[in-house]
Amino acid sequence: MVVDLRWHSADEDADACLAAHLHDLLGVGEVRSGRLCPRCGSDVHGRPWSRHRGRAVEVSLSRAGDHLLTAVGDGGPLGVDVESVAAVARHWDPRLVLAAGERADGPRERALAWVRKEAVAKARGVGLAEPLVDQRLAAFDGAVVDVPAPGGFVAAWAELRSAELRAAREGPSGTARRRTTR
């Protein structure tokens, strides 16, 4: 599993940043990207997707404050999240984030709990449609990695494998979801 991360200014266009990131890693060629909501099929919101020279490439992105973080991976579905420690501290409610038995003592640990869970939710393709409190990091079948972030921020990426990967690729009825491209 290889995940490449790039920091950008939050005022940059996310699709242009993903395209530049893919070109740097994979060379010249057509890049298409967009969003696809696994619940409603909308291309206005939802999980980001990219294709380089017609080949699907796993991507994710997150914005917080002045920062945009893009991620490109060569394994299973991936998610990345970045948050301001101060912003999480202002809105922290452990009943919304921590599952039974989980702890997060202090502002930085709380922000780390948030970004880890959000990265997992993005990798699983559920975003915030599934409450963070219902996700147990210890039960996640994949990798969750903390990322060095600018001062006052924390970040993490997550990548699915095995059972989680199969579940993410199947719809609620067990049938495969169709992924469309432009």
Protein backbone atom coordinates (compact mmCIF):
# COMPACT_ATOMS: atom_id res chain seq x y z
CA MET A 1 0.00 0.00 0.00
CA VAL A 2 1.39 3.35 -1.05
CA VAL A 3 -0.41 6.61 -0.33
CA ASP A 4 1.03 9.91 -1.56
CA LEU A 5 -0.11 13.10 0.17
CA ARG A 6 0.18 16.71 -0.97
CA TRP A 7 -0.64 19.94 0.86
CA HIS A 8 -2.17 22.82 -1.08
CA SER A 9 -3.74 26.18 -0.30
CA ALA A 10 -7.46 25.81 0.52
CA ASP A 11 -8.35 28.48 -2.04
CA GLU A 12 -7.08 26.28 -4.89
CA ASP A 13 -9.49 24.21 -6.99
CA ALA A 14 -9.55 20.68 -5.55
CA ASP A 15 -9.99 18.98 -8.94
CA ALA A 16 -7.05 20.92 -10.39
CA CYS A 17 -4.94 19.95 -7.36
CA LEU A 18 -5.88 16.28 -7.78
CA ALA A 19 -5.03 16.45 -11.51
CA ALA A 20 -1.63 18.02 -10.80
CA HIS A 21 -0.99 15.44 -8.07
CA LEU A 22 -1.83 12.58 -10.49
CA HIS A 23 0.31 14.07 -13.27
CA ASP A 24 3.28 14.38 -10.89
CA LEU A 25 2.93 10.74 -9.83
CA LEU A 26 1.76 9.02 -13.00
CA GLY A 27 2.93 11.28 -15.84
CA VAL A 28 1.10 13.20 -18.51
CA GLY A 29 -2.28 12.05 -19.75
CA GLU A 30 -5.93 12.88 -19.46
CA VAL A 31 -7.24 13.18 -15.91
CA ARG A 32 -10.94 13.15 -15.17
CA SER A 33 -12.31 13.67 -11.70
CA GLY A 34 -15.51 14.45 -9.92
CA ARG A 35 -17.75 13.43 -7.05
CA LEU A 36 -20.18 10.54 -6.65
CA CYS A 37 -22.52 10.08 -3.71
CA PRO A 38 -22.93 6.35 -2.99
CA ARG A 39 -26.34 6.97 -1.41
CA CYS A 40 -28.14 9.12 -3.97
CA GLY A 41 -25.90 8.96 -7.05
CA SER A 42 -25.39 12.74 -7.17
CA ASP A 43 -22.27 14.11 -8.85
CA VAL A 44 -22.58 17.41 -6.94
CA HIS A 45 -21.38 15.95 -3.65
CA GLY A 46 -19.95 12.69 -2.36
CA ARG A 47 -16.75 10.76 -2.60
CA PRO A 48 -14.14 12.14 -5.02
CA TRP A 49 -13.01 9.92 -7.89
CA SER A 50 -10.29 10.27 -10.51
CA ARG A 51 -9.19 8.50 -13.67
CA HIS A 52 -5.76 8.89 -15.23
CA ARG A 53 -5.54 7.76 -18.85
CA GLY A 54 -8.84 5.94 -18.33
CA ARG A 55 -7.64 3.97 -15.29
CA ALA A 56 -9.39 4.46 -11.93
CA VAL A 57 -7.08 5.82 -9.23
CA GLU A 58 -7.98 5.95 -5.53
CA VAL A 59 -8.11 9.55 -4.28
CA SER A 60 -9.37 11.57 -1.35
CA LEU A 61 -9.23 15.17 -0.20
CA SER A 62 -9.96 17.35 2.79
CA ARG A 63 -10.01 21.07 3.60
CA ALA A 64 -9.61 22.87 6.90
CA GLY A 65 -8.63 26.47 7.49
CA ASP A 66 -6.10 27.53 4.85
CA HIS A 67 -5.21 23.95 3.97
CA LEU A 68 -6.26 21.44 1.32
CA LEU A 69 -4.83 17.93 1.54
CA THR A 70 -5.01 15.54 -1.43
CA ALA A 71 -4.25 11.83 -1.27
CA VAL A 72 -3.56 9.36 -4.08
CA GLY A 73 -3.23 5.64 -3.39
CA ASP A 74 -2.52 2.43 -5.26
CA GLY A 75 -4.48 0.10 -2.98
CA GLY A 76 -8.06 0.03 -1.77
CA PRO A 77 -10.45 2.92 -1.22
CA LEU A 78 -8.89 5.65 0.83
CA GLY A 79 -9.92 8.63 2.90
CA VAL A 80 -8.03 11.59 4.29
CA ASP A 81 -9.06 14.26 6.79
CA VAL A 82 -7.52 17.40 8.23
CA GLU A 83 -8.97 19.47 11.06
CA SER A 84 -8.03 22.41 13.24
CA VAL A 85 -7.37 21.34 16.82
CA ALA A 86 -9.06 24.54 18.06
CA ALA A 87 -12.16 24.00 15.89
CA VAL A 88 -12.62 20.45 17.17
CA ALA A 89 -12.12 21.66 20.75
CA ARG A 90 -14.87 24.30 20.30
CA HIS A 91 -17.39 21.72 19.11
CA TRP A 92 -16.25 18.60 20.97
CA ASP A 93 -18.94 16.27 22.26
CA PRO A 94 -17.62 12.80 23.10
CA ARG A 95 -21.15 11.34 22.72
CA LEU A 96 -20.94 12.20 19.00
CA VAL A 97 -17.44 10.84 18.36
CA LEU A 98 -16.25 8.22 20.83
CA ALA A 99 -17.64 4.69 20.84
CA ALA A 100 -17.92 2.81 24.14
CA GLY A 101 -14.45 2.19 25.58
CA GLU A 102 -12.70 4.80 23.39
CA ARG A 103 -10.84 7.72 25.00
CA ALA A 104 -9.46 11.02 23.84
CA ASP A 105 -7.90 13.14 26.57
CA GLY A 106 -7.05 16.71 25.67
CA PRO A 107 -7.64 18.85 22.57
CA ARG A 108 -5.02 17.25 20.31
CA GLU A 109 -6.11 13.68 21.10
CA ARG A 110 -9.76 14.65 20.50
CA ALA A 111 -8.88 16.18 17.13
CA LEU A 112 -6.88 13.06 16.25
CA ALA A 113 -9.84 10.84 17.14
CA TRP A 114 -12.01 12.98 14.87
CA VAL A 115 -9.67 12.91 11.82
CA ARG A 116 -8.97 9.19 12.16
CA LYS A 117 -12.69 8.38 12.23
CA GLU A 118 -13.52 10.81 9.42
CA ALA A 119 -10.71 9.34 7.27
CA VAL A 120 -12.15 5.86 7.89
CA ALA A 121 -15.67 7.07 7.04
CA LYS A 122 -14.39 8.57 3.79
CA ALA A 123 -12.51 5.38 2.90
CA ARG A 124 -15.65 3.36 3.56
CA GLY A 125 -17.62 5.78 1.37
CA VAL A 126 -20.12 6.72 4.06
CA GLY A 127 -18.80 10.16 5.06
CA LEU A 128 -20.81 11.63 7.91
CA ALA A 129 -23.96 9.74 6.87
CA GLU A 130 -22.88 7.17 9.48
CA PRO A 131 -22.34 8.69 12.93
CA LEU A 132 -18.70 8.71 14.06
CA VAL A 133 -19.75 7.27 17.42
CA ASP A 134 -20.89 4.11 15.58
CA GLN A 135 -17.42 3.55 14.14
CA ARG A 136 -14.88 1.66 16.22
CA LEU A 137 -11.31 2.30 15.09
CA ALA A 138 -10.17 -0.95 16.73
CA ALA A 139 -12.60 -2.88 14.50
CA PHE A 140 -11.55 -1.18 11.24
CA ASP A 141 -10.04 -3.66 8.78
CA GLY A 142 -7.48 -1.40 7.17
CA ALA A 143 -4.72 1.08 7.85
CA VAL A 144 -5.14 4.35 9.74
CA VAL A 145 -2.07 6.60 9.69
CA ASP A 146 -1.49 9.99 11.33
CA VAL A 147 -0.02 12.62 9.00
CA PRO A 148 2.36 15.46 9.88
CA ALA A 149 0.25 18.62 9.59
CA PRO A 150 0.78 22.38 9.80
CA GLY A 151 0.82 23.93 13.29
CA GLY A 152 -2.56 23.81 15.04
CA PHE A 153 -3.89 21.09 12.70
CA VAL A 154 -3.99 17.30 12.70
CA ALA A 155 -4.49 14.92 9.77
CA ALA A 156 -4.84 11.21 9.08
CA TRP A 157 -5.44 8.86 6.17
CA ALA A 158 -7.18 5.50 6.10
CA GLU A 159 -7.24 2.72 3.52
CA LEU A 160 -9.59 -0.26 3.37
CA ARG A 161 -8.58 -3.88 2.94
CA SER A 162 -10.30 -7.32 2.91
CA ALA A 163 -13.80 -7.43 4.47
CA GLU A 164 -14.13 -3.63 4.68
CA LEU A 165 -13.11 -3.37 1.02
CA ARG A 166 -15.74 -5.91 -0.07
CA ALA A 167 -18.42 -4.14 1.98
CA ALA A 168 -17.51 -0.73 0.52
CA ARG A 169 -17.83 -2.08 -3.02
CA GLU A 170 -21.26 -3.62 -2.40
CA GLY A 171 -24.55 -1.79 -2.06
CA PRO A 172 -27.02 -2.31 0.77
CA SER A 173 -28.58 -5.24 -1.08
CA GLY A 174 -25.21 -6.90 -1.67
CA THR A 175 -25.12 -5.96 -5.35
CA ALA A 176 -22.14 -4.14 -6.72
CA ARG A 177 -22.44 -0.37 -6.99
CA ARG A 178 -21.94 1.07 -10.43
CA ARG A 179 -19.27 3.74 -10.61
CA THR A 180 -19.81 6.15 -13.45
CA THR A 181 -17.33 8.46 -15.10
CA ARG A 182 -17.68 11.59 -17.16
